[in-house]
Amino acid sequence: MKPIVTLLGAALAATLSWSAHAQTAQPDLKRGAALYGQVCVACHAADGNSTTAANPKLAQQHPEYLIKQLQEFKSGKRANAVMLGFASQLSDQDMRDIAYWLASQKATTGFATNPELVRLGERIYRGGLMDRRIPACAGCHGPSGSGIPAEYPRLSGQHAEYTAAQLKGFRSNERANNKLMHEVARYLTDEEIKALADYVAGLR
């Protein structure tokens, strides 16, 4: 297994390089709202706070992260037949306008449902599992799950079902657009993934 610290450094360098390039165009929030209403609203709700657990909440997400995901859906690097169809309609400027509009929307809070799972999830999120070299999630996503702009996505309040599906996708490498997350998730059990997802849902 590659040292996770090496992957962290590589991911950060690539993200910062991409971010500097992306800042050349100014977002148009009004246009972003209109495009979102045409392309995204049916699955992600009017304000980006999806009410369907299989579809992620996008409100208040870091725009750089959203743009990167849309570009990778469009290129096929992140495989999803539904999102490929939608992202293929969008130019880079469209993605930028939508992403910055979503970032301006207030995210709704979520909640955990299983006290036993929450305790396990909190232990992994805040302390990691050192016997398997799994780092604490809080190191990249912050103690409150707010993420780090241009680097790591906001997780706070996300639907547990969606978070669990992504962790399983990273684990199997079905979601193959993030080597670091594959290295983290590949050693997590189903129970640990469920616990993390439940804990993250209640972060605020």
N, C-alpha and C. Protein backbone atom coordinates (compact mmCIF):
# COMPACT_ATOMS: atom_id res chain seq x y z
N MET A 1 0.84 -1.20 0.00
CA MET A 1 0.00 0.00 0.00
C MET A 1 0.87 1.24 0.00
N LYS A 2 0.60 2.17 -0.89
CA LYS A 2 1.36 3.41 -0.90
C LYS A 2 1.12 4.18 0.37
N PRO A 3 2.13 4.84 0.90
CA PRO A 3 1.91 5.64 2.10
C PRO A 3 0.84 6.70 1.84
N ILE A 4 -0.11 6.78 2.74
CA ILE A 4 -1.22 7.71 2.53
C ILE A 4 -0.73 9.15 2.52
N VAL A 5 0.33 9.43 3.27
CA VAL A 5 0.86 10.80 3.29
C VAL A 5 1.35 11.20 1.91
N THR A 6 1.91 10.26 1.15
CA THR A 6 2.37 10.55 -0.21
C THR A 6 1.19 10.87 -1.11
N LEU A 7 0.12 10.08 -0.97
CA LEU A 7 -1.08 10.33 -1.77
C LEU A 7 -1.72 11.66 -1.40
N LEU A 8 -1.69 11.99 -0.12
CA LEU A 8 -2.22 13.28 0.32
C LEU A 8 -1.48 14.43 -0.35
N GLY A 9 -0.16 14.34 -0.39
CA GLY A 9 0.65 15.39 -1.00
C GLY A 9 0.37 15.52 -2.48
N ALA A 10 0.25 14.40 -3.17
CA ALA A 10 -0.01 14.42 -4.60
C ALA A 10 -1.39 14.98 -4.89
N ALA A 11 -2.38 14.58 -4.09
CA ALA A 11 -3.75 15.08 -4.29
C ALA A 11 -3.82 16.58 -4.06
N LEU A 12 -3.13 17.05 -3.03
CA LEU A 12 -3.14 18.48 -2.73
C LEU A 12 -2.48 19.28 -3.84
N ALA A 13 -1.35 18.81 -4.35
CA ALA A 13 -0.65 19.53 -5.42
C ALA A 13 -1.51 19.60 -6.67
N ALA A 14 -2.15 18.49 -7.02
CA ALA A 14 -2.99 18.48 -8.22
C ALA A 14 -4.19 19.40 -8.06
N THR A 15 -4.78 19.39 -6.86
CA THR A 15 -5.95 20.22 -6.62
C THR A 15 -5.62 21.69 -6.66
N LEU A 16 -4.50 22.07 -6.05
CA LEU A 16 -4.11 23.47 -6.04
C LEU A 16 -3.77 23.96 -7.44
N SER A 17 -3.14 23.10 -8.23
CA SER A 17 -2.84 23.46 -9.61
C SER A 17 -4.11 23.67 -10.41
N TRP A 18 -5.06 22.75 -10.25
CA TRP A 18 -6.34 22.87 -10.93
C TRP A 18 -7.08 24.11 -10.46
N SER A 19 -7.06 24.38 -9.14
CA SER A 19 -7.78 25.50 -8.57
C SER A 19 -7.28 26.83 -9.13
N ALA A 20 -5.96 26.97 -9.26
CA ALA A 20 -5.38 28.21 -9.78
C ALA A 20 -5.85 28.46 -11.20
N HIS A 21 -5.95 27.38 -11.99
CA HIS A 21 -6.43 27.52 -13.37
C HIS A 21 -7.91 27.89 -13.40
N ALA A 22 -8.68 27.26 -12.49
CA ALA A 22 -10.13 27.46 -12.50
C ALA A 22 -10.53 28.87 -12.11
N GLN A 23 -9.67 29.59 -11.40
CA GLN A 23 -10.02 30.91 -10.92
C GLN A 23 -9.97 31.99 -12.00
N THR A 24 -9.66 31.62 -13.23
CA THR A 24 -9.52 32.62 -14.29
C THR A 24 -10.86 33.17 -14.75
N ALA A 25 -11.94 32.42 -14.56
CA ALA A 25 -13.27 32.86 -15.01
C ALA A 25 -14.14 33.16 -13.81
N GLN A 26 -14.82 34.30 -13.85
CA GLN A 26 -15.68 34.70 -12.75
C GLN A 26 -17.06 34.04 -12.88
N PRO A 27 -17.61 33.54 -11.78
CA PRO A 27 -18.92 32.88 -11.86
C PRO A 27 -20.06 33.89 -11.96
N ASP A 28 -21.12 33.49 -12.63
CA ASP A 28 -22.35 34.28 -12.75
C ASP A 28 -23.43 33.52 -11.99
N LEU A 29 -23.73 33.96 -10.76
CA LEU A 29 -24.65 33.22 -9.91
C LEU A 29 -26.07 33.19 -10.46
N LYS A 30 -26.51 34.28 -11.07
CA LYS A 30 -27.85 34.32 -11.63
C LYS A 30 -27.98 33.29 -12.76
N ARG A 31 -26.97 33.24 -13.60
CA ARG A 31 -26.97 32.26 -14.69
C ARG A 31 -26.87 30.85 -14.11
N GLY A 32 -26.06 30.69 -13.06
CA GLY A 32 -25.92 29.39 -12.42
C GLY A 32 -27.25 28.89 -11.87
N ALA A 33 -28.03 29.78 -11.26
CA ALA A 33 -29.34 29.40 -10.73
C ALA A 33 -30.26 28.94 -11.86
N ALA A 34 -30.23 29.64 -12.97
CA ALA A 34 -31.09 29.29 -14.11
C ALA A 34 -30.68 27.93 -14.69
N LEU A 35 -29.39 27.72 -14.86
CA LEU A 35 -28.92 26.44 -15.39
C LEU A 35 -29.24 25.29 -14.44
N TYR A 36 -29.05 25.54 -13.16
CA TYR A 36 -29.37 24.52 -12.17
C TYR A 36 -30.84 24.13 -12.27
N GLY A 37 -31.70 25.10 -12.43
CA GLY A 37 -33.13 24.84 -12.55
C GLY A 37 -33.48 24.03 -13.78
N GLN A 38 -32.67 24.15 -14.81
CA GLN A 38 -32.93 23.41 -16.05
C GLN A 38 -32.38 21.98 -16.00
N VAL A 39 -31.23 21.80 -15.34
CA VAL A 39 -30.49 20.54 -15.46
C VAL A 39 -30.50 19.69 -14.19
N CYS A 40 -30.46 20.32 -13.01
CA CYS A 40 -30.14 19.59 -11.78
C CYS A 40 -31.28 19.45 -10.78
N VAL A 41 -32.27 20.32 -10.88
CA VAL A 41 -33.26 20.47 -9.82
C VAL A 41 -34.07 19.20 -9.58
N ALA A 42 -34.34 18.43 -10.60
CA ALA A 42 -35.20 17.26 -10.44
C ALA A 42 -34.64 16.25 -9.45
N CYS A 43 -33.32 16.12 -9.39
CA CYS A 43 -32.70 15.15 -8.49
C CYS A 43 -32.18 15.76 -7.20
N HIS A 44 -31.79 17.04 -7.25
CA HIS A 44 -31.09 17.63 -6.10
C HIS A 44 -31.90 18.71 -5.38
N ALA A 45 -33.16 18.91 -5.77
CA ALA A 45 -34.09 19.84 -5.12
C ALA A 45 -33.76 21.29 -5.45
N ALA A 46 -34.74 22.16 -5.21
CA ALA A 46 -34.65 23.55 -5.68
C ALA A 46 -33.48 24.32 -5.10
N ASP A 47 -33.09 24.00 -3.86
CA ASP A 47 -32.00 24.74 -3.21
C ASP A 47 -30.75 23.89 -3.03
N GLY A 48 -30.69 22.73 -3.68
CA GLY A 48 -29.52 21.87 -3.55
C GLY A 48 -29.56 20.93 -2.36
N ASN A 49 -30.66 20.97 -1.59
CA ASN A 49 -30.79 20.08 -0.44
C ASN A 49 -31.68 18.91 -0.81
N SER A 50 -31.10 17.95 -1.51
CA SER A 50 -31.84 16.79 -1.96
C SER A 50 -32.60 16.13 -0.81
N THR A 51 -33.83 15.72 -1.09
CA THR A 51 -34.62 15.00 -0.08
C THR A 51 -34.64 13.50 -0.35
N THR A 52 -33.92 13.08 -1.38
CA THR A 52 -33.82 11.67 -1.73
C THR A 52 -32.45 11.16 -1.29
N ALA A 53 -32.43 10.16 -0.43
CA ALA A 53 -31.18 9.73 0.20
C ALA A 53 -30.13 9.24 -0.79
N ALA A 54 -30.55 8.76 -1.94
CA ALA A 54 -29.59 8.27 -2.92
C ALA A 54 -28.90 9.40 -3.69
N ASN A 55 -29.48 10.60 -3.63
CA ASN A 55 -28.92 11.76 -4.34
C ASN A 55 -28.30 12.71 -3.32
N PRO A 56 -27.07 13.14 -3.53
CA PRO A 56 -26.39 13.94 -2.51
C PRO A 56 -26.96 15.35 -2.37
N LYS A 57 -26.83 15.86 -1.16
CA LYS A 57 -27.05 17.29 -0.94
C LYS A 57 -25.85 18.03 -1.52
N LEU A 58 -26.11 19.08 -2.28
CA LEU A 58 -25.05 19.85 -2.92
C LEU A 58 -24.94 21.27 -2.37
N ALA A 59 -25.96 21.72 -1.65
CA ALA A 59 -25.95 23.09 -1.12
C ALA A 59 -24.75 23.29 -0.19
N GLN A 60 -24.11 24.44 -0.33
CA GLN A 60 -22.99 24.87 0.52
C GLN A 60 -21.73 24.02 0.31
N GLN A 61 -21.72 23.20 -0.75
CA GLN A 61 -20.52 22.43 -1.05
C GLN A 61 -19.46 23.35 -1.66
N HIS A 62 -18.21 23.04 -1.45
CA HIS A 62 -17.14 23.86 -2.01
C HIS A 62 -17.22 23.83 -3.54
N PRO A 63 -17.25 24.99 -4.18
CA PRO A 63 -17.45 25.02 -5.64
C PRO A 63 -16.36 24.32 -6.42
N GLU A 64 -15.12 24.42 -5.96
CA GLU A 64 -14.03 23.77 -6.68
C GLU A 64 -14.24 22.25 -6.73
N TYR A 65 -14.74 21.70 -5.64
CA TYR A 65 -15.01 20.27 -5.60
C TYR A 65 -16.13 19.91 -6.58
N LEU A 66 -17.20 20.70 -6.59
CA LEU A 66 -18.31 20.43 -7.49
C LEU A 66 -17.88 20.49 -8.95
N ILE A 67 -17.08 21.50 -9.29
CA ILE A 67 -16.61 21.64 -10.67
C ILE A 67 -15.78 20.41 -11.07
N LYS A 68 -14.90 20.01 -10.18
CA LYS A 68 -14.05 18.85 -10.47
C LYS A 68 -14.89 17.60 -10.71
N GLN A 69 -15.92 17.39 -9.88
CA GLN A 69 -16.76 16.21 -10.05
C GLN A 69 -17.53 16.27 -11.37
N LEU A 70 -18.07 17.42 -11.69
CA LEU A 70 -18.81 17.56 -12.96
C LEU A 70 -17.89 17.29 -14.15
N GLN A 71 -16.68 17.81 -14.09
CA GLN A 71 -15.73 17.58 -15.19
C GLN A 71 -15.39 16.10 -15.30
N GLU A 72 -15.29 15.43 -14.17
CA GLU A 72 -14.92 14.02 -14.20
C GLU A 72 -16.11 13.13 -14.58
N PHE A 73 -17.33 13.55 -14.27
CA PHE A 73 -18.50 12.85 -14.81
C PHE A 73 -18.51 12.98 -16.34
N LYS A 74 -18.25 14.18 -16.81
CA LYS A 74 -18.27 14.44 -18.26
C LYS A 74 -17.20 13.65 -19.00
N SER A 75 -16.03 13.55 -18.41
CA SER A 75 -14.93 12.84 -19.07
C SER A 75 -15.03 11.33 -18.91
N GLY A 76 -15.85 10.88 -17.97
CA GLY A 76 -15.96 9.46 -17.68
C GLY A 76 -15.01 8.98 -16.61
N LYS A 77 -14.15 9.86 -16.10
CA LYS A 77 -13.21 9.47 -15.04
C LYS A 77 -13.98 9.03 -13.80
N ARG A 78 -15.10 9.71 -13.51
CA ARG A 78 -16.02 9.25 -12.47
C ARG A 78 -17.23 8.66 -13.19
N ALA A 79 -17.37 7.36 -13.11
CA ALA A 79 -18.37 6.66 -13.91
C ALA A 79 -19.76 6.74 -13.29
N ASN A 80 -20.69 7.33 -14.03
CA ASN A 80 -22.09 7.38 -13.62
C ASN A 80 -22.90 7.74 -14.86
N ALA A 81 -23.66 6.78 -15.35
CA ALA A 81 -24.35 6.97 -16.63
C ALA A 81 -25.33 8.14 -16.59
N VAL A 82 -26.03 8.31 -15.48
CA VAL A 82 -26.99 9.41 -15.36
C VAL A 82 -26.27 10.75 -15.37
N MET A 83 -25.23 10.87 -14.53
CA MET A 83 -24.52 12.14 -14.46
C MET A 83 -23.71 12.43 -15.72
N LEU A 84 -23.28 11.40 -16.42
CA LEU A 84 -22.61 11.61 -17.70
C LEU A 84 -23.53 12.34 -18.66
N GLY A 85 -24.79 11.93 -18.70
CA GLY A 85 -25.75 12.57 -19.59
C GLY A 85 -25.97 14.04 -19.26
N PHE A 86 -26.08 14.35 -17.97
CA PHE A 86 -26.30 15.74 -17.57
C PHE A 86 -25.03 16.58 -17.74
N ALA A 87 -23.90 16.05 -17.27
CA ALA A 87 -22.65 16.82 -17.32
C ALA A 87 -22.20 17.08 -18.75
N SER A 88 -22.53 16.18 -19.65
CA SER A 88 -22.12 16.34 -21.05
C SER A 88 -22.75 17.56 -21.70
N GLN A 89 -23.85 18.04 -21.11
CA GLN A 89 -24.53 19.22 -21.65
C GLN A 89 -23.84 20.52 -21.23
N LEU A 90 -22.94 20.43 -20.26
CA LEU A 90 -22.42 21.63 -19.62
C LEU A 90 -21.01 21.99 -20.09
N SER A 91 -20.79 23.27 -20.33
CA SER A 91 -19.44 23.78 -20.59
C SER A 91 -18.74 24.00 -19.24
N ASP A 92 -17.44 24.28 -19.28
CA ASP A 92 -16.72 24.58 -18.04
C ASP A 92 -17.32 25.79 -17.34
N GLN A 93 -17.72 26.79 -18.12
CA GLN A 93 -18.32 27.98 -17.51
C GLN A 93 -19.67 27.66 -16.90
N ASP A 94 -20.46 26.81 -17.56
CA ASP A 94 -21.74 26.38 -16.99
C ASP A 94 -21.51 25.72 -15.63
N MET A 95 -20.54 24.82 -15.58
CA MET A 95 -20.23 24.11 -14.34
C MET A 95 -19.83 25.09 -13.25
N ARG A 96 -19.02 26.05 -13.62
CA ARG A 96 -18.55 27.04 -12.65
C ARG A 96 -19.72 27.86 -12.10
N ASP A 97 -20.59 28.29 -12.98
CA ASP A 97 -21.73 29.11 -12.54
C ASP A 97 -22.65 28.31 -11.62
N ILE A 98 -22.93 27.07 -11.98
CA ILE A 98 -23.78 26.22 -11.15
C ILE A 98 -23.13 25.96 -9.79
N ALA A 99 -21.85 25.62 -9.82
CA ALA A 99 -21.14 25.27 -8.58
C ALA A 99 -21.11 26.43 -7.60
N TYR A 100 -20.85 27.62 -8.09
CA TYR A 100 -20.79 28.77 -7.19
C TYR A 100 -22.17 29.17 -6.69
N TRP A 101 -23.18 28.95 -7.52
CA TRP A 101 -24.54 29.21 -7.02
C TRP A 101 -24.88 28.22 -5.91
N LEU A 102 -24.57 26.95 -6.11
CA LEU A 102 -24.83 25.95 -5.07
C LEU A 102 -24.08 26.27 -3.78
N ALA A 103 -22.85 26.74 -3.91
CA ALA A 103 -22.06 27.09 -2.73
C ALA A 103 -22.71 28.22 -1.93
N SER A 104 -23.51 29.03 -2.60
CA SER A 104 -24.16 30.16 -1.93
C SER A 104 -25.45 29.76 -1.21
N GLN A 105 -25.89 28.52 -1.41
CA GLN A 105 -27.11 28.03 -0.78
C GLN A 105 -26.82 27.41 0.58
N LYS A 106 -27.71 27.60 1.53
CA LYS A 106 -27.51 27.09 2.88
C LYS A 106 -27.85 25.61 2.95
N ALA A 107 -26.94 24.81 3.46
CA ALA A 107 -27.18 23.38 3.60
C ALA A 107 -28.08 23.11 4.81
N THR A 108 -28.98 22.17 4.67
CA THR A 108 -29.81 21.75 5.80
C THR A 108 -29.02 20.78 6.67
N THR A 109 -29.35 20.74 7.94
CA THR A 109 -28.67 19.81 8.85
C THR A 109 -29.28 18.42 8.73
N GLY A 110 -28.50 17.42 9.07
CA GLY A 110 -28.98 16.05 9.07
C GLY A 110 -28.96 15.50 10.48
N PHE A 111 -29.10 14.20 10.60
CA PHE A 111 -29.08 13.59 11.94
C PHE A 111 -28.67 12.13 11.83
N ALA A 112 -28.02 11.66 12.89
CA ALA A 112 -27.66 10.25 13.00
C ALA A 112 -28.85 9.49 13.56
N THR A 113 -28.87 8.19 13.34
CA THR A 113 -30.05 7.41 13.74
C THR A 113 -29.74 6.27 14.71
N ASN A 114 -28.47 5.86 14.82
CA ASN A 114 -28.13 4.70 15.62
C ASN A 114 -27.02 5.05 16.62
N PRO A 115 -27.35 5.18 17.91
CA PRO A 115 -26.35 5.59 18.91
C PRO A 115 -25.13 4.68 18.95
N GLU A 116 -25.34 3.36 18.81
CA GLU A 116 -24.20 2.43 18.83
C GLU A 116 -23.28 2.67 17.64
N LEU A 117 -23.86 2.84 16.47
CA LEU A 117 -23.06 3.11 15.28
C LEU A 117 -22.35 4.45 15.39
N VAL A 118 -23.02 5.43 15.95
CA VAL A 118 -22.44 6.77 16.07
C VAL A 118 -21.15 6.73 16.86
N ARG A 119 -21.11 5.94 17.93
CA ARG A 119 -19.90 5.86 18.75
C ARG A 119 -18.73 5.29 17.94
N LEU A 120 -19.00 4.26 17.16
CA LEU A 120 -17.96 3.69 16.31
C LEU A 120 -17.56 4.67 15.22
N GLY A 121 -18.55 5.30 14.61
CA GLY A 121 -18.28 6.27 13.56
C GLY A 121 -17.45 7.44 14.05
N GLU A 122 -17.77 7.92 15.24
CA GLU A 122 -17.03 9.05 15.80
C GLU A 122 -15.57 8.64 16.06
N ARG A 123 -15.37 7.44 16.56
CA ARG A 123 -14.01 6.98 16.86
C ARG A 123 -13.16 6.94 15.58
N ILE A 124 -13.75 6.44 14.50
CA ILE A 124 -13.00 6.36 13.24
C ILE A 124 -12.81 7.75 12.65
N TYR A 125 -13.87 8.55 12.65
CA TYR A 125 -13.81 9.88 12.04
C TYR A 125 -12.76 10.75 12.73
N ARG A 126 -12.70 10.67 14.05
CA ARG A 126 -11.81 11.57 14.80
C ARG A 126 -10.43 10.97 15.08
N GLY A 127 -10.34 9.65 15.13
CA GLY A 127 -9.05 9.05 15.49
C GLY A 127 -8.47 8.10 14.47
N GLY A 128 -9.26 7.71 13.48
CA GLY A 128 -8.79 6.75 12.50
C GLY A 128 -8.67 5.35 13.08
N LEU A 129 -8.10 4.46 12.29
CA LEU A 129 -7.84 3.08 12.72
C LEU A 129 -6.37 2.79 12.42
N MET A 130 -5.52 3.07 13.37
CA MET A 130 -4.08 3.04 13.12
C MET A 130 -3.56 1.64 12.84
N ASP A 131 -4.24 0.59 13.34
CA ASP A 131 -3.78 -0.77 13.07
C ASP A 131 -3.90 -1.12 11.59
N ARG A 132 -4.78 -0.39 10.88
CA ARG A 132 -4.92 -0.59 9.43
C ARG A 132 -4.44 0.62 8.63
N ARG A 133 -3.76 1.51 9.31
CA ARG A 133 -3.22 2.73 8.69
C ARG A 133 -4.31 3.56 8.01
N ILE A 134 -5.48 3.62 8.64
CA ILE A 134 -6.57 4.45 8.16
C ILE A 134 -6.55 5.74 8.96
N PRO A 135 -6.29 6.88 8.31
CA PRO A 135 -6.20 8.14 9.05
C PRO A 135 -7.56 8.65 9.49
N ALA A 136 -7.56 9.55 10.44
CA ALA A 136 -8.80 10.18 10.88
C ALA A 136 -9.41 11.01 9.75
N CYS A 137 -10.69 10.83 9.51
CA CYS A 137 -11.39 11.60 8.47
C CYS A 137 -11.32 13.10 8.76
N ALA A 138 -11.33 13.44 10.05
CA ALA A 138 -11.32 14.85 10.45
C ALA A 138 -10.06 15.56 9.98
N GLY A 139 -9.00 14.82 9.73
CA GLY A 139 -7.76 15.44 9.27
C GLY A 139 -7.92 16.15 7.94
N CYS A 140 -8.78 15.64 7.08
CA CYS A 140 -9.01 16.25 5.77
C CYS A 140 -10.35 16.97 5.69
N HIS A 141 -11.35 16.44 6.37
CA HIS A 141 -12.71 16.98 6.23
C HIS A 141 -13.13 17.88 7.39
N GLY A 142 -12.23 18.04 8.37
CA GLY A 142 -12.49 18.95 9.48
C GLY A 142 -13.31 18.32 10.59
N PRO A 143 -13.15 18.79 11.82
CA PRO A 143 -13.87 18.23 12.96
C PRO A 143 -15.39 18.28 12.81
N SER A 144 -15.90 19.31 12.13
CA SER A 144 -17.34 19.45 11.96
C SER A 144 -17.82 18.97 10.60
N GLY A 145 -16.92 18.42 9.80
CA GLY A 145 -17.30 17.93 8.47
C GLY A 145 -17.45 19.02 7.44
N SER A 146 -16.89 20.20 7.71
CA SER A 146 -17.05 21.33 6.79
C SER A 146 -16.09 21.27 5.61
N GLY A 147 -15.12 20.35 5.65
CA GLY A 147 -14.17 20.23 4.55
C GLY A 147 -13.18 21.37 4.50
N ILE A 148 -12.36 21.37 3.45
CA ILE A 148 -11.38 22.43 3.24
C ILE A 148 -11.56 22.93 1.81
N PRO A 149 -11.89 24.20 1.62
CA PRO A 149 -12.14 24.72 0.27
C PRO A 149 -11.01 24.38 -0.69
N ALA A 150 -11.38 23.98 -1.89
CA ALA A 150 -10.48 23.63 -2.99
C ALA A 150 -9.70 22.35 -2.75
N GLU A 151 -9.90 21.71 -1.61
CA GLU A 151 -9.14 20.50 -1.32
C GLU A 151 -10.04 19.30 -1.01
N TYR A 152 -10.86 19.43 0.05
CA TYR A 152 -11.64 18.29 0.49
C TYR A 152 -13.10 18.70 0.69
N PRO A 153 -14.05 17.86 0.25
CA PRO A 153 -15.46 18.26 0.26
C PRO A 153 -16.08 18.34 1.64
N ARG A 154 -17.12 19.12 1.71
CA ARG A 154 -17.97 19.20 2.89
C ARG A 154 -18.74 17.88 3.01
N LEU A 155 -18.78 17.30 4.22
CA LEU A 155 -19.52 16.07 4.47
C LEU A 155 -20.69 16.26 5.42
N SER A 156 -20.64 17.31 6.19
CA SER A 156 -21.62 17.55 7.25
C SER A 156 -23.05 17.48 6.74
N GLY A 157 -23.86 16.64 7.40
CA GLY A 157 -25.29 16.58 7.09
C GLY A 157 -25.64 15.78 5.85
N GLN A 158 -24.66 15.17 5.20
CA GLN A 158 -24.94 14.43 3.97
C GLN A 158 -25.77 13.18 4.29
N HIS A 159 -26.61 12.78 3.35
CA HIS A 159 -27.42 11.57 3.53
C HIS A 159 -26.52 10.37 3.81
N ALA A 160 -26.82 9.62 4.87
CA ALA A 160 -26.00 8.47 5.23
C ALA A 160 -25.96 7.44 4.11
N GLU A 161 -27.09 7.23 3.45
CA GLU A 161 -27.13 6.24 2.36
C GLU A 161 -26.17 6.63 1.24
N TYR A 162 -26.13 7.91 0.91
CA TYR A 162 -25.23 8.36 -0.16
C TYR A 162 -23.77 8.22 0.26
N THR A 163 -23.45 8.65 1.48
CA THR A 163 -22.07 8.56 1.96
C THR A 163 -21.59 7.11 1.98
N ALA A 164 -22.44 6.21 2.47
CA ALA A 164 -22.07 4.80 2.51
C ALA A 164 -21.83 4.25 1.10
N ALA A 165 -22.66 4.63 0.16
CA ALA A 165 -22.50 4.16 -1.22
C ALA A 165 -21.19 4.64 -1.81
N GLN A 166 -20.81 5.88 -1.51
CA GLN A 166 -19.54 6.40 -2.04
C GLN A 166 -18.34 5.71 -1.41
N LEU A 167 -18.39 5.46 -0.11
CA LEU A 167 -17.29 4.75 0.55
C LEU A 167 -17.14 3.34 0.00
N LYS A 168 -18.26 2.67 -0.26
CA LYS A 168 -18.19 1.33 -0.85
C LYS A 168 -17.66 1.41 -2.28
N GLY A 169 -18.04 2.45 -3.00
CA GLY A 169 -17.52 2.64 -4.35
C GLY A 169 -16.03 2.90 -4.35
N PHE A 170 -15.55 3.70 -3.41
CA PHE A 170 -14.10 3.92 -3.27
C PHE A 170 -13.41 2.61 -2.90
N ARG A 171 -14.02 1.86 -1.98
CA ARG A 171 -13.41 0.62 -1.51
C ARG A 171 -13.21 -0.38 -2.66
N SER A 172 -14.22 -0.54 -3.49
CA SER A 172 -14.15 -1.49 -4.60
C SER A 172 -13.43 -0.93 -5.81
N ASN A 173 -13.14 0.37 -5.78
CA ASN A 173 -12.56 1.10 -6.90
C ASN A 173 -13.54 1.26 -8.05
N GLU A 174 -14.83 1.02 -7.78
CA GLU A 174 -15.86 1.33 -8.77
C GLU A 174 -15.92 2.84 -8.98
N ARG A 175 -15.75 3.58 -7.89
CA ARG A 175 -15.52 5.02 -8.00
C ARG A 175 -14.02 5.22 -7.99
N ALA A 176 -13.47 5.45 -9.15
CA ALA A 176 -12.01 5.40 -9.32
C ALA A 176 -11.38 6.76 -9.55
N ASN A 177 -12.04 7.82 -9.10
CA ASN A 177 -11.49 9.16 -9.37
C ASN A 177 -10.77 9.76 -8.17
N ASN A 178 -10.39 8.94 -7.19
CA ASN A 178 -9.68 9.46 -6.03
C ASN A 178 -8.86 8.33 -5.40
N LYS A 179 -7.57 8.28 -5.71
CA LYS A 179 -6.71 7.20 -5.21
C LYS A 179 -6.58 7.22 -3.71
N LEU A 180 -6.53 8.43 -3.13
CA LEU A 180 -6.40 8.54 -1.68
C LEU A 180 -7.59 7.88 -0.99
N MET A 181 -8.81 8.19 -1.47
CA MET A 181 -9.99 7.63 -0.83
C MET A 181 -10.08 6.12 -1.05
N HIS A 182 -9.56 5.63 -2.14
CA HIS A 182 -9.51 4.16 -2.32
C HIS A 182 -8.61 3.55 -1.27
N GLU A 183 -7.45 4.16 -1.02
CA GLU A 183 -6.53 3.62 -0.02
C GLU A 183 -7.12 3.68 1.38
N VAL A 184 -7.92 4.70 1.65
CA VAL A 184 -8.57 4.82 2.96
C VAL A 184 -9.69 3.80 3.10
N ALA A 185 -10.57 3.73 2.09
CA ALA A 185 -11.79 2.94 2.21
C ALA A 185 -11.58 1.44 2.00
N ARG A 186 -10.50 1.05 1.34
CA ARG A 186 -10.33 -0.36 0.99
C ARG A 186 -10.24 -1.26 2.19
N TYR A 187 -9.89 -0.71 3.36
CA TYR A 187 -9.75 -1.53 4.56
C TYR A 187 -10.93 -1.39 5.53
N LEU A 188 -11.94 -0.65 5.15
CA LEU A 188 -13.10 -0.47 6.01
C LEU A 188 -14.10 -1.61 5.81
N THR A 189 -14.66 -2.09 6.91
CA THR A 189 -15.71 -3.11 6.83
C THR A 189 -17.05 -2.45 6.52
N ASP A 190 -18.04 -3.26 6.18
CA ASP A 190 -19.38 -2.73 5.93
C ASP A 190 -19.92 -2.02 7.17
N GLU A 191 -19.69 -2.62 8.34
CA GLU A 191 -20.17 -2.01 9.58
C GLU A 191 -19.50 -0.66 9.82
N GLU A 192 -18.22 -0.57 9.58
CA GLU A 192 -17.49 0.69 9.78
C GLU A 192 -17.96 1.76 8.80
N ILE A 193 -18.21 1.36 7.58
CA ILE A 193 -18.74 2.31 6.60
C ILE A 193 -20.11 2.81 7.03
N LYS A 194 -20.95 1.91 7.46
CA LYS A 194 -22.29 2.30 7.92
C LYS A 194 -22.20 3.24 9.12
N ALA A 195 -21.27 2.95 10.02
CA ALA A 195 -21.09 3.78 11.22
C ALA A 195 -20.59 5.17 10.84
N LEU A 196 -19.62 5.26 9.96
CA LEU A 196 -19.10 6.55 9.52
C LEU A 196 -20.18 7.37 8.83
N ALA A 197 -20.94 6.72 7.96
CA ALA A 197 -21.98 7.42 7.21
C ALA A 197 -23.05 7.97 8.16
N ASP A 198 -23.41 7.20 9.17
CA ASP A 198 -24.42 7.64 10.14
C ASP A 198 -23.88 8.81 10.96
N TYR A 199 -22.61 8.72 11.36
CA TYR A 199 -22.01 9.79 12.14
C TYR A 199 -21.92 11.08 11.34
N VAL A 200 -21.47 10.98 10.11
CA VAL A 200 -21.33 12.16 9.24
C VAL A 200 -22.67 12.86 9.03
N ALA A 201 -23.74 12.07 8.93
CA ALA A 201 -25.07 12.66 8.70
C ALA A 201 -25.45 13.63 9.81
N GLY A 202 -24.97 13.38 11.02
CA GLY A 202 -25.33 14.23 12.14
C GLY A 202 -24.31 15.32 12.47
N LEU A 203 -23.22 15.37 11.73
CA LEU A 203 -22.21 16.40 11.99
C LEU A 203 -22.74 17.78 11.68
N ARG A 204 -22.34 18.76 12.49
CA ARG A 204 -22.71 20.16 12.22
C ARG A 204 -21.76 21.08 12.97
